[in-house]
Amino acid sequence: MAALLVLALMLAVAVYMELKERRIPNWLTLPGMAIGLLIGYLNGSAAFGSSLGGLIIGFGFLFIFYVFGGVGGGDVKLMGASGALMGSALIKPALLYTSFIGAFLALLMVIWRKDFWQRLAWGCKRIAFWRKPSAAPPAPAAPIAVPYGMAIALGCLLALLVKSAL
């Protein structure tokens, strides 16, 4: 129960900070990791192993996307801290739900910016590499900054709700 309270508080502050300052600070995520591991340790070796596994799975999965520029470092650490607090069994569905919610948020951002058709046409032209290039390539669209901390928070919440419903 303590881990879930820490998780809820950490995710709420992370969403607030990301929406306000467009970053998730280390002073929030690193203690979240440590508290998750400490709670796991205090609950025995099986709980500690689950907490450590959750940290590794959550951090490691998003770290791959961080390397290629898909998410920020704060998002990686937030998912790692969430994994440490939720454990290895719950972080796996949380990652899946987070991915879908993040994709949905990105789609909403594109629609909100009103350049959906331009981005779709540009993407199709990039995929159709076998075609002769036109005289002037299309101007690349500006990147979209998706508040992925919100997707992480919603994904973790959904994983907990689905688990409690089963």
C-alpha atoms as a PDB file:
ATOM      1  CA  MET A   1       0.000   0.000   0.000  1.00  0.00           C
ATOM      2  CA  ALA A   2       2.861   2.398   0.779  1.00  0.00           C
ATOM      3  CA  ALA A   3       4.353   1.829  -2.664  1.00  0.00           C
ATOM      4  CA  LEU A   4       1.044   2.696  -4.340  1.00  0.00           C
ATOM      5  CA  LEU A   5       0.748   5.921  -2.340  1.00  0.00           C
ATOM      6  CA  VAL A   6       4.289   6.939  -3.289  1.00  0.00           C
ATOM      7  CA  LEU A   7       3.559   5.984  -6.909  1.00  0.00           C
ATOM      8  CA  ALA A   8       0.373   8.085  -7.021  1.00  0.00           C
ATOM      9  CA  LEU A   9       2.094  11.109  -5.502  1.00  0.00           C
ATOM     10  CA  MET A  10       5.144  10.776  -7.753  1.00  0.00           C
ATOM     11  CA  LEU A  11       3.051  10.445 -10.927  1.00  0.00           C
ATOM     12  CA  ALA A  12       0.799  13.374 -10.009  1.00  0.00           C
ATOM     13  CA  VAL A  13       3.794  15.648  -9.372  1.00  0.00           C
ATOM     14  CA  ALA A  14       5.505  14.405 -12.558  1.00  0.00           C
ATOM     15  CA  VAL A  15       2.477  15.224 -14.722  1.00  0.00           C
ATOM     16  CA  TYR A  16       2.174  18.660 -13.118  1.00  0.00           C
ATOM     17  CA  MET A  17       5.884  19.404 -13.573  1.00  0.00           C
ATOM     18  CA  GLU A  18       5.914  18.199 -17.169  1.00  0.00           C
ATOM     19  CA  LEU A  19       2.900  20.249 -18.157  1.00  0.00           C
ATOM     20  CA  LYS A  20       4.231  23.316 -16.339  1.00  0.00           C
ATOM     21  CA  GLU A  21       7.982  23.147 -17.080  1.00  0.00           C
ATOM     22  CA  ARG A  22       8.172  20.520 -19.871  1.00  0.00           C
ATOM     23  CA  ARG A  23      10.531  18.327 -17.838  1.00  0.00           C
ATOM     24  CA  ILE A  24      10.453  15.682 -15.117  1.00  0.00           C
ATOM     25  CA  PRO A  25      13.089  16.455 -12.477  1.00  0.00           C
ATOM     26  CA  ASN A  26      15.599  14.025 -10.992  1.00  0.00           C
ATOM     27  CA  TRP A  27      14.661  15.083  -7.455  1.00  0.00           C
ATOM     28  CA  LEU A  28      11.356  13.327  -8.090  1.00  0.00           C
ATOM     29  CA  THR A  29      12.342  10.188 -10.004  1.00  0.00           C
ATOM     30  CA  LEU A  30      15.560   9.115  -8.283  1.00  0.00           C
ATOM     31  CA  PRO A  31      13.997   9.021  -4.787  1.00  0.00           C
ATOM     32  CA  GLY A  32      11.042   7.166  -6.348  1.00  0.00           C
ATOM     33  CA  MET A  33      13.441   4.458  -7.517  1.00  0.00           C
ATOM     34  CA  ALA A  34      15.151   4.300  -4.131  1.00  0.00           C
ATOM     35  CA  ILE A  35      11.881   4.183  -2.176  1.00  0.00           C
ATOM     36  CA  GLY A  36      10.543   1.445  -4.453  1.00  0.00           C
ATOM     37  CA  LEU A  37      13.657  -0.654  -3.895  1.00  0.00           C
ATOM     38  CA  LEU A  38      13.592   0.044  -0.139  1.00  0.00           C
ATOM     39  CA  ILE A  39       9.943  -0.987   0.184  1.00  0.00           C
ATOM     40  CA  GLY A  40      10.713  -4.140  -1.801  1.00  0.00           C
ATOM     41  CA  TYR A  41      13.694  -4.885   0.438  1.00  0.00           C
ATOM     42  CA  LEU A  42      11.639  -4.425   3.608  1.00  0.00           C
ATOM     43  CA  ASN A  43       8.982  -6.823   2.265  1.00  0.00           C
ATOM     44  CA  GLY A  44      11.441  -9.674   1.637  1.00  0.00           C
ATOM     45  CA  SER A  45      13.654 -11.028  -1.092  1.00  0.00           C
ATOM     46  CA  ALA A  46      10.816 -11.902  -3.506  1.00  0.00           C
ATOM     47  CA  ALA A  47       9.395  -8.375  -3.282  1.00  0.00           C
ATOM     48  CA  PHE A  48      12.856  -6.851  -3.670  1.00  0.00           C
ATOM     49  CA  GLY A  49      13.495  -8.991  -6.752  1.00  0.00           C
ATOM     50  CA  SER A  50      10.177  -7.885  -8.239  1.00  0.00           C
ATOM     51  CA  SER A  51      10.970  -4.250  -7.468  1.00  0.00           C
ATOM     52  CA  LEU A  52      14.443  -4.500  -8.977  1.00  0.00           C
ATOM     53  CA  GLY A  53      13.034  -6.315 -12.013  1.00  0.00           C
ATOM     54  CA  GLY A  54      10.370  -3.627 -12.447  1.00  0.00           C
ATOM     55  CA  LEU A  55      13.038  -0.928 -12.292  1.00  0.00           C
ATOM     56  CA  ILE A  56      15.178  -2.680 -14.901  1.00  0.00           C
ATOM     57  CA  ILE A  57      12.259  -3.445 -17.233  1.00  0.00           C
ATOM     58  CA  GLY A  58      10.700   0.032 -17.023  1.00  0.00           C
ATOM     59  CA  PHE A  59      13.980   1.911 -17.323  1.00  0.00           C
ATOM     60  CA  GLY A  60      15.441  -0.408 -19.945  1.00  0.00           C
ATOM     61  CA  PHE A  61      12.450  -0.396 -22.256  1.00  0.00           C
ATOM     62  CA  LEU A  62      12.196   3.388 -22.471  1.00  0.00           C
ATOM     63  CA  PHE A  63      15.980   3.784 -22.546  1.00  0.00           C
ATOM     64  CA  ILE A  64      15.942   2.237 -26.022  1.00  0.00           C
ATOM     65  CA  PHE A  65      13.609   5.018 -27.190  1.00  0.00           C
ATOM     66  CA  TYR A  66      15.702   7.641 -25.380  1.00  0.00           C
ATOM     67  CA  VAL A  67      18.785   6.588 -27.330  1.00  0.00           C
ATOM     68  CA  PHE A  68      16.966   7.253 -30.608  1.00  0.00           C
ATOM     69  CA  GLY A  69      15.435  10.554 -29.447  1.00  0.00           C
ATOM     70  CA  GLY A  70      11.874   9.346 -28.913  1.00  0.00           C
ATOM     71  CA  VAL A  71      11.513  10.254 -25.238  1.00  0.00           C
ATOM     72  CA  GLY A  72      13.368  12.370 -22.715  1.00  0.00           C
ATOM     73  CA  GLY A  73      15.565  11.232 -19.854  1.00  0.00           C
ATOM     74  CA  GLY A  74      12.962  12.207 -17.272  1.00  0.00           C
ATOM     75  CA  ASP A  75      10.447   9.886 -18.924  1.00  0.00           C
ATOM     76  CA  VAL A  76      12.939   7.016 -18.751  1.00  0.00           C
ATOM     77  CA  LYS A  77      13.627   7.590 -15.061  1.00  0.00           C
ATOM     78  CA  LEU A  78       9.918   8.022 -14.300  1.00  0.00           C
ATOM     79  CA  MET A  79       9.128   4.662 -15.894  1.00  0.00           C
ATOM     80  CA  GLY A  80      12.014   3.090 -13.973  1.00  0.00           C
ATOM     81  CA  ALA A  81      10.740   4.533 -10.694  1.00  0.00           C
ATOM     82  CA  SER A  82       7.219   3.369 -11.532  1.00  0.00           C
ATOM     83  CA  GLY A  83       8.593  -0.115 -12.170  1.00  0.00           C
ATOM     84  CA  ALA A  84      10.410  -0.120  -8.840  1.00  0.00           C
ATOM     85  CA  LEU A  85       7.191   0.839  -7.066  1.00  0.00           C
ATOM     86  CA  MET A  86       4.837  -1.437  -9.047  1.00  0.00           C
ATOM     87  CA  GLY A  87       7.049  -4.488  -9.435  1.00  0.00           C
ATOM     88  CA  SER A  88       7.925  -6.556 -12.483  1.00  0.00           C
ATOM     89  CA  ALA A  89       4.478  -8.116 -12.902  1.00  0.00           C
ATOM     90  CA  LEU A  90       2.641  -4.781 -13.165  1.00  0.00           C
ATOM     91  CA  ILE A  91       5.200  -2.765 -15.122  1.00  0.00           C
ATOM     92  CA  LYS A  92       4.817  -4.987 -18.197  1.00  0.00           C
ATOM     93  CA  PRO A  93       1.129  -4.175 -18.819  1.00  0.00           C
ATOM     94  CA  ALA A  94       1.822  -0.575 -17.748  1.00  0.00           C
ATOM     95  CA  LEU A  95       4.398  -0.313 -20.546  1.00  0.00           C
ATOM     96  CA  LEU A  96       1.911  -1.665 -23.066  1.00  0.00           C
ATOM     97  CA  TYR A  97      -0.848   0.716 -21.973  1.00  0.00           C
ATOM     98  CA  THR A  98       1.618   3.616 -21.857  1.00  0.00           C
ATOM     99  CA  SER A  99       2.665   2.920 -25.445  1.00  0.00           C
ATOM    100  CA  PHE A 100      -0.904   3.004 -26.717  1.00  0.00           C
ATOM    101  CA  ILE A 101      -1.799   6.096 -24.702  1.00  0.00           C
ATOM    102  CA  GLY A 102       1.381   7.855 -25.869  1.00  0.00           C
ATOM    103  CA  ALA A 103       0.556   7.088 -29.507  1.00  0.00           C
ATOM    104  CA  PHE A 104      -2.987   8.376 -28.977  1.00  0.00           C
ATOM    105  CA  LEU A 105      -1.656  11.582 -27.380  1.00  0.00           C
ATOM    106  CA  ALA A 106       0.726  12.070 -30.317  1.00  0.00           C
ATOM    107  CA  LEU A 107      -2.173  11.675 -32.751  1.00  0.00           C
ATOM    108  CA  LEU A 108      -4.212  14.211 -30.770  1.00  0.00           C
ATOM    109  CA  MET A 109      -1.268  16.636 -30.841  1.00  0.00           C
ATOM    110  CA  VAL A 110      -0.946  16.304 -34.623  1.00  0.00           C
ATOM    111  CA  ILE A 111      -4.672  16.860 -35.104  1.00  0.00           C
ATOM    112  CA  TRP A 112      -4.630  19.797 -32.691  1.00  0.00           C
ATOM    113  CA  ARG A 113      -1.755  21.405 -34.630  1.00  0.00           C
ATOM    114  CA  LYS A 114      -3.830  21.026 -37.801  1.00  0.00           C
ATOM    115  CA  ASP A 115      -1.010  19.597 -39.911  1.00  0.00           C
ATOM    116  CA  PHE A 116      -2.125  15.970 -39.905  1.00  0.00           C
ATOM    117  CA  TRP A 117      -2.494  15.714 -43.699  1.00  0.00           C
ATOM    118  CA  GLN A 118       0.841  17.435 -44.299  1.00  0.00           C
ATOM    119  CA  ARG A 119       2.588  15.026 -41.924  1.00  0.00           C
ATOM    120  CA  LEU A 120       0.829  12.042 -43.489  1.00  0.00           C
ATOM    121  CA  ALA A 121       1.854  13.107 -47.007  1.00  0.00           C
ATOM    122  CA  TRP A 122       5.425  13.751 -45.879  1.00  0.00           C
ATOM    123  CA  GLY A 123       5.602  10.358 -44.185  1.00  0.00           C
ATOM    124  CA  CYS A 124       4.245   8.581 -47.261  1.00  0.00           C
ATOM    125  CA  LYS A 125       6.837  10.311 -49.451  1.00  0.00           C
ATOM    126  CA  ARG A 126       9.596   9.180 -47.092  1.00  0.00           C
ATOM    127  CA  ILE A 127       8.306   5.603 -47.191  1.00  0.00           C
ATOM    128  CA  ALA A 128       8.047   5.583 -50.997  1.00  0.00           C
ATOM    129  CA  PHE A 129      11.827   5.623 -51.423  1.00  0.00           C
ATOM    130  CA  TRP A 130      11.624   3.815 -54.759  1.00  0.00           C
ATOM    131  CA  ARG A 131       9.969   6.812 -56.432  1.00  0.00           C
ATOM    132  CA  LYS A 132      12.044   9.373 -58.256  1.00  0.00           C
ATOM    133  CA  PRO A 133      12.739  12.278 -55.941  1.00  0.00           C
ATOM    134  CA  SER A 134      10.924  15.478 -56.777  1.00  0.00           C
ATOM    135  CA  ALA A 135      12.849  18.635 -57.572  1.00  0.00           C
ATOM    136  CA  ALA A 136      12.252  20.037 -54.117  1.00  0.00           C
ATOM    137  CA  PRO A 137      11.810  17.690 -51.167  1.00  0.00           C
ATOM    138  CA  PRO A 138       8.989  18.568 -48.801  1.00  0.00           C
ATOM    139  CA  ALA A 139       9.956  20.655 -45.831  1.00  0.00           C
ATOM    140  CA  PRO A 140      10.108  18.476 -42.742  1.00  0.00           C
ATOM    141  CA  ALA A 141       7.443  19.223 -40.200  1.00  0.00           C
ATOM    142  CA  ALA A 142       8.503  20.456 -36.787  1.00  0.00           C
ATOM    143  CA  PRO A 143       8.740  17.669 -34.207  1.00  0.00           C
ATOM    144  CA  ILE A 144       5.877  17.105 -31.808  1.00  0.00           C
ATOM    145  CA  ALA A 145       6.578  17.266 -28.086  1.00  0.00           C
ATOM    146  CA  VAL A 146       4.215  14.770 -26.461  1.00  0.00           C
ATOM    147  CA  PRO A 147       3.920  15.016 -22.657  1.00  0.00           C
ATOM    148  CA  TYR A 148       4.900  11.369 -22.218  1.00  0.00           C
ATOM    149  CA  GLY A 149       4.824  11.622 -18.418  1.00  0.00           C
ATOM    150  CA  MET A 150       1.056  11.903 -18.734  1.00  0.00           C
ATOM    151  CA  ALA A 151       0.997   8.720 -20.835  1.00  0.00           C
ATOM    152  CA  ILE A 152       3.147   6.968 -18.203  1.00  0.00           C
ATOM    153  CA  ALA A 153       0.821   8.060 -15.394  1.00  0.00           C
ATOM    154  CA  LEU A 154      -2.294   6.941 -17.282  1.00  0.00           C
ATOM    155  CA  GLY A 155      -0.656   3.657 -18.333  1.00  0.00           C
ATOM    156  CA  CYS A 156       0.302   2.843 -14.736  1.00  0.00           C
ATOM    157  CA  LEU A 157      -3.165   3.762 -13.497  1.00  0.00           C
ATOM    158  CA  LEU A 158      -4.784   1.581 -16.160  1.00  0.00           C
ATOM    159  CA  ALA A 159      -2.520  -1.362 -15.254  1.00  0.00           C
ATOM    160  CA  LEU A 160      -3.548  -1.039 -11.598  1.00  0.00           C
ATOM    161  CA  LEU A 161      -7.239  -0.737 -12.472  1.00  0.00           C
ATOM    162  CA  VAL A 162      -7.164  -3.790 -14.754  1.00  0.00           C
ATOM    163  CA  LYS A 163      -5.324  -5.827 -12.114  1.00  0.00           C
ATOM    164  CA  SER A 164      -7.821  -4.859  -9.399  1.00  0.00           C
ATOM    165  CA  ALA A 165     -10.745  -5.714 -11.696  1.00  0.00           C
ATOM    166  CA  LEU A 166      -9.401  -9.241 -12.277  1.00  0.00           C
END
